[in-house]
């Protein structure tokens, strides 16, 4: 695996890790009339990210790379930003989650393109799976924000 692809995969892994924790924060601190549905939806999102975290780390290992595996590394590599632990209205939360998932979708698209150019088809397939999940989640979030 080329170094640039490895670095982008680790940045993606870091964003998954930071977003996983961030979604827990939002899940615990959502307020408003749609609390229950948003609370449950956020749980489904972070459960999905737990699987992605492992998948991306294993792909890196399979290609002879070392995955970032500490919060310190994640925070250094990630472009997704943490939020303070405060109550937020469900509309604010959905907008934050939408923005983060759009960023992750763009990152997965870039990795998919790079992997395809280098004939790294297991990564291509993994990113295509992730892109399908992001498309669905983005659609859900946009519908929830109407």
Foldseek 3Di string as FASTA:
>chain_A
DDPVLLLLLLQLLLLLVQVLVQLVLQLVQEDDPCNVVLNVVSVVVSVVSVVVNVVSQVLQVVVVHHHDDDNVSSVVRYPLDHDDRHHDYSLVVLVSVLVSLVVSLVSLVVSLVVCVVVVVVVSVVSSVVSNVVSVVSNVVSVVVND
